[in-house]
Amino acid sequence: WDLLEAGKYDEAQAEFERVEVPLRKVMAKVSARSGGYQSAKALLDLLGHSAGPARPPSLPVNEAELAEFRDLLCGFGWPVVDA
C-alpha cells in the first residue's frame, strides 16, 4: 500500500505479481482436487488464523499441498506459524 501511496505503481504491480501469480497457480491446483475454499483456509491456518475444517463435499488440503503453500509463504517472507 505504501508503494501505491508513494505513486510507485510499477513497483507495486511487481510486488503484487510476485505474490499473486504463484499463489493463484497453487490455489487453482488445490481447488481442482479439493473444491471449495480450501486454499484460503489453508493459507489462513498457516498464518495463524484458523478458518475451521473443510465442509463436505470439499476435501481438506493434503500435506503436500500444505507444504507447497508453506514454502511459498516463507519465500514471500510472511510470518508462517509452526506446524
N, C-alpha and C. Protein backbone atom coordinates (compact mmCIF):
# COMPACT_ATOMS: atom_id res chain seq x y z
N TRP A 1 0.82 -1.17 0.00
CA TRP A 1 0.00 0.00 0.00
C TRP A 1 0.87 1.25 0.00
N ASP A 2 1.96 1.17 0.75
CA ASP A 2 2.88 2.31 0.81
C ASP A 2 3.40 2.66 -0.58
N LEU A 3 3.67 1.65 -1.39
CA LEU A 3 4.15 1.90 -2.76
C LEU A 3 3.09 2.63 -3.57
N LEU A 4 1.85 2.23 -3.43
CA LEU A 4 0.77 2.91 -4.16
C LEU A 4 0.63 4.36 -3.72
N GLU A 5 0.63 4.57 -2.42
CA GLU A 5 0.50 5.93 -1.91
C GLU A 5 1.67 6.81 -2.34
N ALA A 6 2.83 6.21 -2.54
CA ALA A 6 4.01 6.96 -2.98
C ALA A 6 4.04 7.14 -4.49
N GLY A 7 3.02 6.60 -5.19
CA GLY A 7 2.98 6.74 -6.65
C GLY A 7 3.92 5.80 -7.37
N LYS A 8 4.43 4.79 -6.68
CA LYS A 8 5.35 3.82 -7.29
C LYS A 8 4.54 2.64 -7.83
N TYR A 9 3.76 2.93 -8.86
CA TYR A 9 2.80 1.95 -9.38
C TYR A 9 3.46 0.74 -10.01
N ASP A 10 4.56 0.94 -10.71
CA ASP A 10 5.25 -0.20 -11.32
C ASP A 10 5.80 -1.14 -10.26
N GLU A 11 6.37 -0.57 -9.19
CA GLU A 11 6.90 -1.39 -8.11
C GLU A 11 5.77 -2.12 -7.37
N ALA A 12 4.65 -1.42 -7.18
CA ALA A 12 3.51 -2.04 -6.51
C ALA A 12 2.97 -3.20 -7.36
N GLN A 13 2.88 -3.00 -8.66
CA GLN A 13 2.40 -4.06 -9.54
C GLN A 13 3.34 -5.26 -9.52
N ALA A 14 4.63 -5.00 -9.52
CA ALA A 14 5.62 -6.09 -9.48
C ALA A 14 5.50 -6.88 -8.17
N GLU A 15 5.29 -6.17 -7.07
CA GLU A 15 5.14 -6.84 -5.78
C GLU A 15 3.86 -7.67 -5.75
N PHE A 16 2.79 -7.12 -6.27
CA PHE A 16 1.52 -7.85 -6.35
C PHE A 16 1.70 -9.14 -7.16
N GLU A 17 2.32 -9.03 -8.30
CA GLU A 17 2.51 -10.20 -9.17
C GLU A 17 3.47 -11.21 -8.57
N ARG A 18 4.45 -10.75 -7.80
CA ARG A 18 5.41 -11.65 -7.14
C ARG A 18 4.68 -12.61 -6.21
N VAL A 19 3.62 -12.12 -5.60
CA VAL A 19 2.85 -12.94 -4.66
C VAL A 19 1.65 -13.60 -5.34
N GLU A 20 0.89 -12.83 -6.08
CA GLU A 20 -0.38 -13.30 -6.64
C GLU A 20 -0.21 -14.43 -7.66
N VAL A 21 0.73 -14.31 -8.55
CA VAL A 21 0.87 -15.31 -9.62
C VAL A 21 1.18 -16.70 -9.07
N PRO A 22 2.22 -16.86 -8.24
CA PRO A 22 2.48 -18.22 -7.73
C PRO A 22 1.37 -18.74 -6.81
N LEU A 23 0.77 -17.85 -6.02
CA LEU A 23 -0.31 -18.30 -5.15
C LEU A 23 -1.50 -18.79 -5.97
N ARG A 24 -1.86 -18.07 -7.00
CA ARG A 24 -3.02 -18.46 -7.82
C ARG A 24 -2.79 -19.80 -8.51
N LYS A 25 -1.55 -20.06 -8.92
CA LYS A 25 -1.26 -21.34 -9.57
C LYS A 25 -1.50 -22.50 -8.62
N VAL A 26 -0.99 -22.38 -7.40
CA VAL A 26 -1.17 -23.46 -6.42
C VAL A 26 -2.64 -23.54 -6.00
N MET A 27 -3.28 -22.40 -5.81
CA MET A 27 -4.68 -22.39 -5.41
C MET A 27 -5.57 -23.07 -6.46
N ALA A 28 -5.28 -22.83 -7.72
CA ALA A 28 -6.06 -23.46 -8.79
C ALA A 28 -5.89 -24.97 -8.77
N LYS A 29 -4.66 -25.43 -8.54
CA LYS A 29 -4.40 -26.86 -8.49
C LYS A 29 -5.11 -27.51 -7.30
N VAL A 30 -5.04 -26.86 -6.14
CA VAL A 30 -5.69 -27.39 -4.95
C VAL A 30 -7.20 -27.40 -5.13
N SER A 31 -7.73 -26.32 -5.67
CA SER A 31 -9.18 -26.21 -5.88
C SER A 31 -9.71 -27.27 -6.83
N ALA A 32 -8.94 -27.57 -7.85
CA ALA A 32 -9.36 -28.59 -8.82
C ALA A 32 -9.50 -29.96 -8.16
N ARG A 33 -8.65 -30.22 -7.15
CA ARG A 33 -8.70 -31.51 -6.47
C ARG A 33 -9.71 -31.50 -5.32
N SER A 34 -9.71 -30.43 -4.54
CA SER A 34 -10.50 -30.45 -3.30
C SER A 34 -11.83 -29.72 -3.39
N GLY A 35 -11.91 -28.75 -4.28
CA GLY A 35 -13.13 -27.95 -4.37
C GLY A 35 -13.22 -26.93 -3.26
N GLY A 36 -14.17 -26.05 -3.37
CA GLY A 36 -14.42 -25.08 -2.31
C GLY A 36 -13.31 -24.08 -2.09
N TYR A 37 -13.24 -23.61 -0.87
CA TYR A 37 -12.30 -22.55 -0.49
C TYR A 37 -11.17 -23.10 0.39
N GLN A 38 -10.77 -24.32 0.14
CA GLN A 38 -9.77 -24.95 0.99
C GLN A 38 -8.42 -24.24 0.94
N SER A 39 -8.07 -23.66 -0.19
CA SER A 39 -6.80 -22.94 -0.30
C SER A 39 -6.79 -21.76 0.66
N ALA A 40 -7.86 -20.99 0.68
CA ALA A 40 -7.94 -19.83 1.56
C ALA A 40 -7.85 -20.27 3.02
N LYS A 41 -8.53 -21.36 3.36
CA LYS A 41 -8.48 -21.86 4.73
C LYS A 41 -7.08 -22.32 5.10
N ALA A 42 -6.40 -22.99 4.19
CA ALA A 42 -5.04 -23.45 4.45
C ALA A 42 -4.10 -22.27 4.65
N LEU A 43 -4.23 -21.26 3.81
CA LEU A 43 -3.37 -20.08 3.94
C LEU A 43 -3.61 -19.38 5.28
N LEU A 44 -4.87 -19.23 5.66
CA LEU A 44 -5.17 -18.62 6.95
C LEU A 44 -4.58 -19.44 8.10
N ASP A 45 -4.72 -20.76 8.03
CA ASP A 45 -4.15 -21.62 9.07
C ASP A 45 -2.64 -21.42 9.19
N LEU A 46 -1.97 -21.37 8.05
CA LEU A 46 -0.52 -21.21 8.05
C LEU A 46 -0.10 -19.86 8.62
N LEU A 47 -0.98 -18.88 8.52
CA LEU A 47 -0.68 -17.54 9.06
C LEU A 47 -1.19 -17.38 10.49
N GLY A 48 -1.72 -18.48 11.07
CA GLY A 48 -2.14 -18.45 12.46
C GLY A 48 -3.57 -18.01 12.70
N HIS A 49 -4.40 -18.05 11.67
CA HIS A 49 -5.80 -17.65 11.79
C HIS A 49 -6.68 -18.78 11.26
N SER A 50 -7.07 -19.67 12.16
CA SER A 50 -7.83 -20.84 11.73
C SER A 50 -9.19 -20.45 11.16
N ALA A 51 -9.54 -21.08 10.05
CA ALA A 51 -10.84 -20.87 9.41
C ALA A 51 -11.69 -22.12 9.52
N GLY A 52 -11.26 -23.07 10.30
CA GLY A 52 -12.04 -24.28 10.52
C GLY A 52 -11.80 -25.33 9.45
N PRO A 53 -12.36 -26.51 9.67
CA PRO A 53 -12.15 -27.63 8.74
C PRO A 53 -12.99 -27.50 7.47
N ALA A 54 -12.62 -28.29 6.49
CA ALA A 54 -13.37 -28.34 5.24
C ALA A 54 -14.75 -28.92 5.49
N ARG A 55 -15.72 -28.40 4.77
CA ARG A 55 -17.08 -28.94 4.85
C ARG A 55 -17.31 -29.80 3.61
N PRO A 56 -17.95 -30.95 3.78
CA PRO A 56 -18.26 -31.79 2.63
C PRO A 56 -19.12 -31.03 1.62
N PRO A 57 -18.94 -31.28 0.37
CA PRO A 57 -18.14 -32.35 -0.22
C PRO A 57 -16.68 -31.96 -0.48
N SER A 58 -16.28 -30.76 -0.06
CA SER A 58 -14.88 -30.35 -0.25
C SER A 58 -13.95 -31.25 0.54
N LEU A 59 -12.78 -31.46 0.00
CA LEU A 59 -11.76 -32.27 0.66
C LEU A 59 -10.74 -31.34 1.30
N PRO A 60 -10.16 -31.74 2.44
CA PRO A 60 -9.14 -30.91 3.06
C PRO A 60 -7.87 -30.87 2.21
N VAL A 61 -7.10 -29.83 2.40
CA VAL A 61 -5.80 -29.71 1.74
C VAL A 61 -4.91 -30.82 2.28
N ASN A 62 -4.18 -31.50 1.39
CA ASN A 62 -3.32 -32.59 1.86
C ASN A 62 -1.94 -32.05 2.28
N GLU A 63 -1.13 -32.91 2.85
CA GLU A 63 0.17 -32.49 3.38
C GLU A 63 1.10 -31.91 2.31
N ALA A 64 1.10 -32.50 1.12
CA ALA A 64 1.95 -31.99 0.04
C ALA A 64 1.51 -30.58 -0.37
N GLU A 65 0.22 -30.37 -0.47
CA GLU A 65 -0.30 -29.05 -0.85
C GLU A 65 0.00 -28.03 0.25
N LEU A 66 -0.17 -28.45 1.49
CA LEU A 66 0.12 -27.57 2.62
C LEU A 66 1.60 -27.18 2.62
N ALA A 67 2.47 -28.13 2.33
CA ALA A 67 3.90 -27.85 2.27
C ALA A 67 4.22 -26.87 1.14
N GLU A 68 3.53 -27.02 0.01
CA GLU A 68 3.74 -26.11 -1.11
C GLU A 68 3.32 -24.69 -0.73
N PHE A 69 2.19 -24.57 -0.06
CA PHE A 69 1.75 -23.25 0.41
C PHE A 69 2.75 -22.67 1.41
N ARG A 70 3.20 -23.52 2.34
CA ARG A 70 4.16 -23.07 3.36
C ARG A 70 5.44 -22.54 2.70
N ASP A 71 5.94 -23.27 1.72
CA ASP A 71 7.15 -22.85 1.02
C ASP A 71 6.95 -21.50 0.33
N LEU A 72 5.79 -21.32 -0.29
CA LEU A 72 5.51 -20.05 -0.95
C LEU A 72 5.49 -18.91 0.06
N LEU A 73 4.73 -19.09 1.14
CA LEU A 73 4.61 -18.03 2.14
C LEU A 73 5.96 -17.69 2.76
N CYS A 74 6.74 -18.71 3.06
CA CYS A 74 8.08 -18.47 3.61
C CYS A 74 8.95 -17.72 2.60
N GLY A 75 8.82 -18.08 1.33
CA GLY A 75 9.56 -17.40 0.28
C GLY A 75 9.16 -15.94 0.14
N PHE A 76 7.92 -15.60 0.49
CA PHE A 76 7.48 -14.22 0.45
C PHE A 76 7.96 -13.44 1.67
N GLY A 77 8.48 -14.19 2.66
CA GLY A 77 8.91 -13.55 3.91
C GLY A 77 7.76 -13.29 4.86
N TRP A 78 6.67 -14.04 4.70
CA TRP A 78 5.49 -13.86 5.54
C TRP A 78 5.63 -14.69 6.82
N PRO A 79 5.02 -14.28 7.91
CA PRO A 79 5.15 -14.98 9.20
C PRO A 79 4.28 -16.23 9.26
N VAL A 80 4.87 -17.36 8.99
CA VAL A 80 4.17 -18.65 8.99
C VAL A 80 4.32 -19.29 10.37
N VAL A 81 3.20 -19.81 10.91
CA VAL A 81 3.26 -20.48 12.21
C VAL A 81 3.83 -21.87 12.05
N ASP A 82 4.38 -22.38 13.12
CA ASP A 82 4.92 -23.74 13.10
C ASP A 82 3.79 -24.74 13.00
N ALA A 83 4.10 -25.90 12.38
CA ALA A 83 3.09 -26.95 12.21
C ALA A 83 2.72 -27.55 13.54
